[in-house]
Amino acid sequence: MLFPPRPRVALATIVGPVVPLSILDLAPIPEGSTAAEALARSLDLARRAERWGYRRFWLAEHHNAAGIASAATAVVIAHVAAGTETIRVGAGGIMLPNHAPLVVAEQFGTLAELHPGRIDLGLGRAPGTDRLTLLALRRTPSSADTFPHDVLELQALLADPQPGQAVRAIPGAGTKVPLWILGSSLYGAQLAAALGLPYAFASHFAPAALLPALEAYRSGFRPSEQLAEPYAMAGANVICAETDEEARRLFTSVQQSFTNVFRGARGQLPPPIDDVEDYWAPEEKARVGAMLERSFVGSPERVSAGLEAFVEETGVDELIVASAIHDHAARLRSYELLAGVAVG
């Protein structure tokens, strides 16, 4: 079995059982900053997360996004893995229909050879961008139709080579980099179950199908060489500060960003504001609120209690946390506070 049974560790004296915590990072570029600074800050965060006890540090593929510096995801993973020692580093995820499976196998096989036992490969079927950029990636809307086949092809390229196999990933063959299926609907859950792979649900921005997807995954799971029992991870937004008021203020950067997406005005991560009610219209507030439903914002006590309830509701084996905070010091502090009460 690839993953050990879910540990149950006390959250100091605040709440009850928790699960391992990991970090989902987009190498955010705040307003007034640069991509170079964002990448340096991601490495700084990963190094600290390693000391604080987080299990994984994942980066995500997004294209043509002014506020995200992780488009060349395998390159950024190499940057972070080279600057850390023990934390698992991986993709959350690679949008597989954007790439030939052979190229992905070679990239992550190389990473696995450079950093044995530390590389994860989460796979999604969305483009990670808008329609115009999708075309620039030489991809068509039908590219996602071959996603299950592409996953199997990639898995075979990372497995031990077979006699007579004409095409091999070098590096890559025999590395058996652990694959994950990412999703925000029943589709990914069902595929992960059928292939016997771990599953990560994107509830940090698309929470609507979380519970049905987890049920579909667990009920349909078939054991595989990689995984004997289902293993589910869920995403959550977490903004933690010394006070509820300060955390809510920091969270306005996320709320503005999601509002801007609906306005067709994507940009860099904006600084926090005192009153978000002055920023959005009622219909925007409703739409953003639905997307950010699985967000935990406040003091360490409030956040840890919320996460405990989330784990009890979902039964997930692991949580992966996204914290888009404009100020780097405040971002570090949020993860540090969370680690102090919630990392098992």
Protein backbone atom coordinates (compact mmCIF):
# COMPACT_ATOMS: atom_id res chain seq x y z
CA MET A 1 0.00 0.00 0.00
CA LEU A 2 1.48 3.35 -1.05
CA PHE A 3 0.01 5.42 1.78
CA PRO A 4 -0.18 4.44 5.48
CA PRO A 5 -3.50 4.49 7.33
CA ARG A 6 -4.76 7.95 8.19
CA PRO A 7 -3.24 9.07 11.51
CA ARG A 8 -5.39 10.61 14.23
CA VAL A 9 -3.42 13.23 16.11
CA ALA A 10 -4.72 15.68 18.69
CA LEU A 11 -4.77 19.36 17.75
CA ALA A 12 -3.08 20.51 20.93
CA THR A 13 -6.00 21.26 23.26
CA ILE A 14 -8.13 22.98 20.65
CA VAL A 15 -9.90 20.27 18.66
CA GLY A 16 -9.88 16.54 18.04
CA PRO A 17 -8.49 14.38 15.21
CA VAL A 18 -6.74 15.75 12.15
CA VAL A 19 -5.20 14.42 8.95
CA PRO A 20 -1.91 15.26 7.22
CA LEU A 21 -1.75 18.71 5.67
CA SER A 22 -0.15 19.64 2.36
CA ILE A 23 0.22 22.89 0.41
CA LEU A 24 -1.09 23.80 -3.03
CA ASP A 25 0.92 26.71 -4.39
CA LEU A 26 0.37 28.64 -7.62
CA ALA A 27 3.49 30.77 -7.16
CA PRO A 28 1.17 33.80 -6.89
CA ILE A 29 2.37 37.13 -8.27
CA PRO A 30 0.98 39.91 -6.07
CA GLU A 31 0.37 43.35 -7.49
CA GLY A 32 3.64 45.28 -7.45
CA SER A 33 5.72 42.10 -7.62
CA THR A 34 7.43 40.02 -10.33
CA ALA A 35 7.48 36.39 -11.41
CA ALA A 36 11.07 36.06 -10.19
CA GLU A 37 10.04 37.23 -6.75
CA ALA A 38 7.05 34.89 -6.76
CA LEU A 39 9.23 31.88 -7.56
CA ALA A 40 11.72 32.81 -4.85
CA ARG A 41 8.89 33.15 -2.35
CA SER A 42 7.48 29.74 -3.30
CA LEU A 43 10.83 28.15 -2.53
CA ASP A 44 11.02 30.07 0.75
CA LEU A 45 7.56 28.80 1.68
CA ALA A 46 8.44 25.21 0.74
CA ARG A 47 11.56 25.26 2.90
CA ARG A 48 9.61 26.52 5.88
CA ALA A 49 6.74 24.09 5.21
CA GLU A 50 9.24 21.26 5.33
CA ARG A 51 10.36 22.36 8.81
CA TRP A 52 6.77 22.87 9.94
CA GLY A 53 5.78 19.32 9.06
CA TYR A 54 3.66 19.64 5.91
CA ARG A 55 3.60 16.45 3.84
CA ARG A 56 3.58 17.76 0.25
CA PHE A 57 4.17 20.93 -1.69
CA TRP A 58 2.31 20.89 -4.99
CA LEU A 59 2.34 23.38 -7.85
CA ALA A 60 -0.31 23.80 -10.52
CA GLU A 61 -0.25 24.35 -14.28
CA HIS A 62 -2.00 27.52 -15.43
CA HIS A 63 -1.31 29.45 -18.63
CA ASN A 64 -1.66 33.09 -19.65
CA ALA A 65 -2.46 34.04 -16.04
CA ALA A 66 -0.93 37.35 -14.98
CA GLY A 67 -1.00 36.40 -11.31
CA ILE A 68 0.46 32.87 -11.52
CA ALA A 69 4.13 32.00 -12.08
CA SER A 70 3.85 28.18 -12.21
CA ALA A 71 3.00 27.71 -15.91
CA ALA A 72 6.19 25.68 -16.54
CA THR A 73 5.19 23.40 -13.71
CA ALA A 74 7.88 20.72 -14.02
CA VAL A 75 10.56 23.43 -14.06
CA VAL A 76 9.20 25.04 -10.90
CA ILE A 77 8.96 21.63 -9.21
CA ALA A 78 12.64 21.10 -10.00
CA HIS A 79 13.41 24.51 -8.48
CA VAL A 80 11.52 23.69 -5.26
CA ALA A 81 12.72 20.10 -4.95
CA ALA A 82 16.36 21.16 -5.37
CA GLY A 83 15.96 23.69 -2.57
CA THR A 84 14.34 21.28 -0.09
CA GLU A 85 15.33 17.93 1.37
CA THR A 86 12.44 15.80 2.61
CA ILE A 87 9.04 17.27 1.71
CA ARG A 88 7.29 15.62 -1.24
CA VAL A 89 7.06 17.96 -4.22
CA GLY A 90 4.73 17.53 -7.15
CA ALA A 91 2.09 18.72 -9.55
CA GLY A 92 -1.40 19.56 -8.49
CA GLY A 93 -1.52 19.26 -11.34
CA ILE A 94 -0.29 18.74 -14.84
CA MET A 95 -3.11 19.25 -17.35
CA LEU A 96 -2.36 16.10 -19.29
CA PRO A 97 -4.29 16.86 -22.51
CA ASN A 98 -1.91 19.83 -22.99
CA HIS A 99 1.04 17.44 -23.35
CA ALA A 100 2.20 14.22 -24.93
CA PRO A 101 2.34 11.51 -22.24
CA LEU A 102 5.90 10.67 -23.32
CA VAL A 103 7.09 14.21 -22.61
CA VAL A 104 5.42 14.21 -19.18
CA ALA A 105 6.97 10.80 -18.40
CA GLU A 106 10.41 12.10 -19.35
CA GLN A 107 10.01 15.27 -17.28
CA PHE A 108 8.77 13.56 -14.15
CA GLY A 109 11.05 10.61 -14.64
CA THR A 110 13.94 13.05 -14.62
CA LEU A 111 12.60 14.68 -11.47
CA ALA A 112 12.25 11.27 -9.83
CA GLU A 113 15.85 10.39 -10.68
CA LEU A 114 17.05 13.70 -9.26
CA HIS A 115 14.88 13.46 -6.12
CA PRO A 116 14.09 9.78 -5.46
CA GLY A 117 10.96 9.09 -3.45
CA ARG A 118 9.85 12.73 -3.31
CA ILE A 119 7.95 13.41 -6.55
CA ASP A 120 4.16 13.24 -7.05
CA LEU A 121 2.29 13.64 -10.33
CA GLY A 122 -1.30 14.84 -10.13
CA LEU A 123 -3.17 14.83 -13.44
CA GLY A 124 -6.10 16.92 -14.62
CA ARG A 125 -7.98 17.06 -17.89
CA ALA A 126 -8.93 20.76 -17.96
CA PRO A 127 -6.76 23.14 -20.02
CA GLY A 128 -5.85 25.37 -17.09
CA THR A 129 -6.54 28.46 -19.15
CA ASP A 130 -8.98 30.24 -21.45
CA ARG A 131 -10.14 29.13 -24.89
CA LEU A 132 -7.79 31.37 -26.88
CA THR A 133 -4.75 30.18 -24.94
CA LEU A 134 -5.95 26.62 -25.38
CA LEU A 135 -5.53 27.10 -29.11
CA ALA A 136 -2.08 28.59 -28.56
CA LEU A 137 -1.18 25.36 -26.75
CA ARG A 138 -2.10 23.55 -30.01
CA ARG A 139 -4.96 21.90 -28.20
CA THR A 140 -8.58 21.46 -29.29
CA PRO A 141 -11.63 21.14 -27.01
CA SER A 142 -11.78 17.44 -27.88
CA SER A 143 -8.29 16.82 -26.46
CA ALA A 144 -9.77 15.93 -23.09
CA ASP A 145 -11.68 13.03 -24.65
CA THR A 146 -8.55 10.86 -24.61
CA PHE A 147 -7.68 11.64 -20.99
CA PRO A 148 -8.23 8.07 -19.63
CA HIS A 149 -6.12 6.60 -22.43
CA ASP A 150 -3.41 9.23 -21.88
CA VAL A 151 -3.28 8.40 -18.16
CA LEU A 152 -2.81 4.71 -18.95
CA GLU A 153 -0.13 5.51 -21.53
CA LEU A 154 1.71 7.70 -19.04
CA GLN A 155 1.44 5.03 -16.35
CA ALA A 156 2.90 2.44 -18.72
CA LEU A 157 5.79 4.74 -19.64
CA LEU A 158 6.68 5.18 -15.95
CA ALA A 159 6.37 1.45 -15.20
CA ASP A 160 9.04 -1.18 -15.71
CA PRO A 161 9.66 -1.52 -19.46
CA GLN A 162 8.23 -4.58 -21.16
CA PRO A 163 10.10 -6.92 -23.52
CA GLY A 164 9.96 -5.55 -27.03
CA GLN A 165 8.68 -2.15 -25.93
CA ALA A 166 9.64 0.15 -28.77
CA VAL A 167 9.16 3.52 -27.06
CA ARG A 168 10.54 4.20 -23.61
CA ALA A 169 10.78 7.25 -21.42
CA ILE A 170 14.44 7.80 -20.59
CA PRO A 171 14.57 8.88 -17.81
CA GLY A 172 11.18 7.71 -16.64
CA ALA A 173 10.86 3.99 -17.27
CA GLY A 174 10.87 2.08 -14.00
CA THR A 175 10.54 5.16 -11.77
CA LYS A 176 6.87 4.46 -11.05
CA VAL A 177 6.20 8.06 -10.10
CA PRO A 178 2.97 8.02 -8.03
CA LEU A 179 0.03 9.26 -10.09
CA TRP A 180 -3.00 11.08 -8.73
CA ILE A 181 -6.23 11.98 -10.48
CA LEU A 182 -7.46 15.51 -9.85
CA GLY A 183 -11.03 16.60 -10.35
CA SER A 184 -14.00 18.75 -9.48
CA SER A 185 -16.75 16.42 -10.69
CA LEU A 186 -17.82 12.79 -10.69
CA TYR A 187 -15.77 12.12 -13.84
CA GLY A 188 -12.38 12.28 -12.16
CA ALA A 189 -13.65 10.40 -9.11
CA GLN A 190 -14.90 7.54 -11.23
CA LEU A 191 -11.71 7.38 -13.25
CA ALA A 192 -9.50 7.39 -10.16
CA ALA A 193 -11.62 4.61 -8.68
CA ALA A 194 -11.48 2.49 -11.84
CA LEU A 195 -7.69 2.85 -12.10
CA GLY A 196 -7.03 2.39 -8.40
CA LEU A 197 -5.30 5.75 -8.01
CA PRO A 198 -5.43 8.35 -5.23
CA TYR A 199 -7.90 11.16 -5.83
CA ALA A 200 -7.70 14.88 -5.05
CA PHE A 201 -10.84 17.02 -5.23
CA ALA A 202 -10.62 20.74 -6.02
CA SER A 203 -13.03 21.88 -3.32
CA HIS A 204 -10.98 25.04 -2.79
CA PHE A 205 -12.68 26.56 -5.86
CA ALA A 206 -15.34 24.07 -7.04
CA PRO A 207 -16.96 22.57 -3.94
CA ALA A 208 -20.41 21.69 -5.29
CA ALA A 209 -19.77 18.03 -6.12
CA LEU A 210 -17.35 17.29 -3.29
CA LEU A 211 -19.43 14.81 -1.30
CA PRO A 212 -20.94 12.92 -4.27
CA ALA A 213 -17.48 12.66 -5.84
CA LEU A 214 -15.93 11.21 -2.71
CA GLU A 215 -18.76 8.69 -2.45
CA ALA A 216 -18.34 7.69 -6.11
CA TYR A 217 -14.61 7.28 -5.62
CA ARG A 218 -14.84 5.14 -2.52
CA SER A 219 -17.71 2.98 -3.69
CA GLY A 220 -16.16 2.28 -7.08
CA PHE A 221 -12.53 1.86 -6.03
CA ARG A 222 -10.60 -1.09 -7.44
CA PRO A 223 -7.24 -1.95 -5.85
CA SER A 224 -4.18 -1.52 -8.06
CA GLU A 225 -0.45 -2.07 -7.92
CA GLN A 226 -0.05 1.51 -6.70
CA LEU A 227 -2.85 1.61 -4.12
CA ALA A 228 -4.66 -1.10 -2.15
CA GLU A 229 -7.36 1.10 -0.62
CA PRO A 230 -8.96 4.41 -1.62
CA TYR A 231 -7.05 7.53 -0.59
CA ALA A 232 -8.80 10.87 -0.97
CA MET A 233 -7.48 14.39 -0.53
CA ALA A 234 -9.55 17.59 -0.60
CA GLY A 235 -8.55 21.18 -1.19
CA ALA A 236 -9.44 24.05 1.11
CA ASN A 237 -8.63 27.74 1.29
CA VAL A 238 -7.11 28.67 4.62
CA ILE A 239 -6.28 32.16 5.82
CA CYS A 240 -5.04 32.12 9.40
CA ALA A 241 -3.95 35.11 11.48
CA GLU A 242 -3.72 36.07 15.13
CA THR A 243 -7.25 37.50 15.02
CA ASP A 244 -10.41 36.76 13.06
CA GLU A 245 -10.52 40.37 11.88
CA GLU A 246 -7.03 40.32 10.38
CA ALA A 247 -7.67 36.98 8.67
CA ARG A 248 -10.90 38.25 7.13
CA ARG A 249 -9.06 41.30 5.81
CA LEU A 250 -6.33 39.15 4.25
CA PHE A 251 -9.02 36.98 2.65
CA THR A 252 -10.33 39.96 0.68
CA SER A 253 -7.45 39.45 -1.77
CA VAL A 254 -8.92 36.06 -2.70
CA GLN A 255 -12.44 37.46 -2.85
CA GLN A 256 -11.35 40.27 -5.16
CA SER A 257 -9.48 37.84 -7.42
CA PHE A 258 -12.50 35.58 -7.88
CA THR A 259 -14.72 38.59 -8.47
CA ASN A 260 -12.31 39.79 -11.14
CA VAL A 261 -12.54 36.42 -12.90
CA PHE A 262 -16.30 36.90 -13.29
CA ARG A 263 -15.66 40.41 -14.59
CA GLY A 264 -13.22 39.11 -17.20
CA ALA A 265 -10.46 41.15 -15.57
CA ARG A 266 -7.93 38.57 -14.37
CA GLY A 267 -4.76 40.10 -13.02
CA GLN A 268 -2.16 39.88 -10.30
CA LEU A 269 -3.16 39.15 -6.71
CA PRO A 270 -4.59 42.40 -5.30
CA PRO A 271 -3.78 43.76 -1.85
CA PRO A 272 -6.40 43.34 0.87
CA ILE A 273 -9.07 45.98 1.44
CA ASP A 274 -10.96 47.02 4.55
CA ASP A 275 -14.47 46.28 3.28
CA VAL A 276 -15.08 43.86 0.42
CA GLU A 277 -18.77 44.76 0.43
CA ASP A 278 -17.81 47.98 -1.33
CA TYR A 279 -16.02 45.99 -4.03
CA TRP A 280 -18.56 43.49 -5.32
CA ALA A 281 -22.19 43.55 -6.37
CA PRO A 282 -24.71 41.23 -4.65
CA GLU A 283 -24.76 38.76 -7.54
CA GLU A 284 -20.95 38.67 -7.59
CA LYS A 285 -20.87 38.06 -3.86
CA ALA A 286 -23.25 35.11 -4.26
CA ARG A 287 -21.22 33.51 -7.06
CA VAL A 288 -17.87 34.01 -5.35
CA GLY A 289 -19.29 32.82 -2.04
CA ALA A 290 -20.43 29.57 -3.66
CA MET A 291 -16.99 28.94 -5.14
CA LEU A 292 -15.21 29.72 -1.87
CA GLU A 293 -17.59 27.79 0.36
CA ARG A 294 -14.79 25.49 1.55
CA SER A 295 -12.70 28.31 3.01
CA PHE A 296 -11.52 28.53 6.60
CA VAL A 297 -10.65 32.03 7.69
CA GLY A 298 -9.81 33.30 11.16
CA SER A 299 -7.72 32.72 14.25
CA PRO A 300 -5.95 29.38 14.77
CA GLU A 301 -8.78 28.23 17.04
CA ARG A 302 -11.45 29.07 14.48
CA VAL A 303 -9.56 27.57 11.55
CA SER A 304 -8.64 24.33 13.31
CA ALA A 305 -12.20 23.82 14.50
CA GLY A 306 -13.46 24.40 10.97
CA LEU A 307 -10.99 21.95 9.48
CA GLU A 308 -11.89 19.33 12.06
CA ALA A 309 -15.54 19.61 11.07
CA PHE A 310 -14.55 19.43 7.39
CA VAL A 311 -12.58 16.23 7.95
CA GLU A 312 -15.41 14.69 9.95
CA GLU A 313 -17.91 15.58 7.21
CA THR A 314 -15.86 14.29 4.31
CA GLY A 315 -13.71 11.55 5.84
CA VAL A 316 -10.79 12.63 3.69
CA ASP A 317 -7.37 11.14 4.29
CA GLU A 318 -5.46 14.36 3.67
CA LEU A 319 -6.07 18.08 3.23
CA ILE A 320 -4.27 20.31 0.76
CA VAL A 321 -4.37 23.99 1.61
CA ALA A 322 -4.28 27.02 -0.68
CA SER A 323 -3.51 30.40 0.89
CA ALA A 324 -3.42 33.27 -1.59
CA ILE A 325 -2.20 36.13 0.62
CA HIS A 326 -0.78 39.31 -0.86
CA ASP A 327 1.92 39.91 1.74
CA HIS A 328 4.55 37.18 1.85
CA ALA A 329 5.22 37.55 5.57
CA ALA A 330 1.51 37.22 6.33
CA ARG A 331 1.32 34.19 4.05
CA LEU A 332 4.17 32.51 5.88
CA ARG A 333 2.57 33.34 9.20
CA SER A 334 -0.73 31.81 8.11
CA TYR A 335 0.92 28.49 7.29
CA GLU A 336 3.00 28.61 10.44
CA LEU A 337 -0.03 29.19 12.66
CA LEU A 338 -1.90 26.38 10.92
CA ALA A 339 1.05 24.03 11.36
CA GLY A 340 1.16 24.83 15.05
CA VAL A 341 -2.28 23.40 15.64
CA ALA A 342 -3.18 21.19 12.72
CA VAL A 343 -0.35 19.28 11.06
CA GLY A 344 -0.40 15.60 11.93
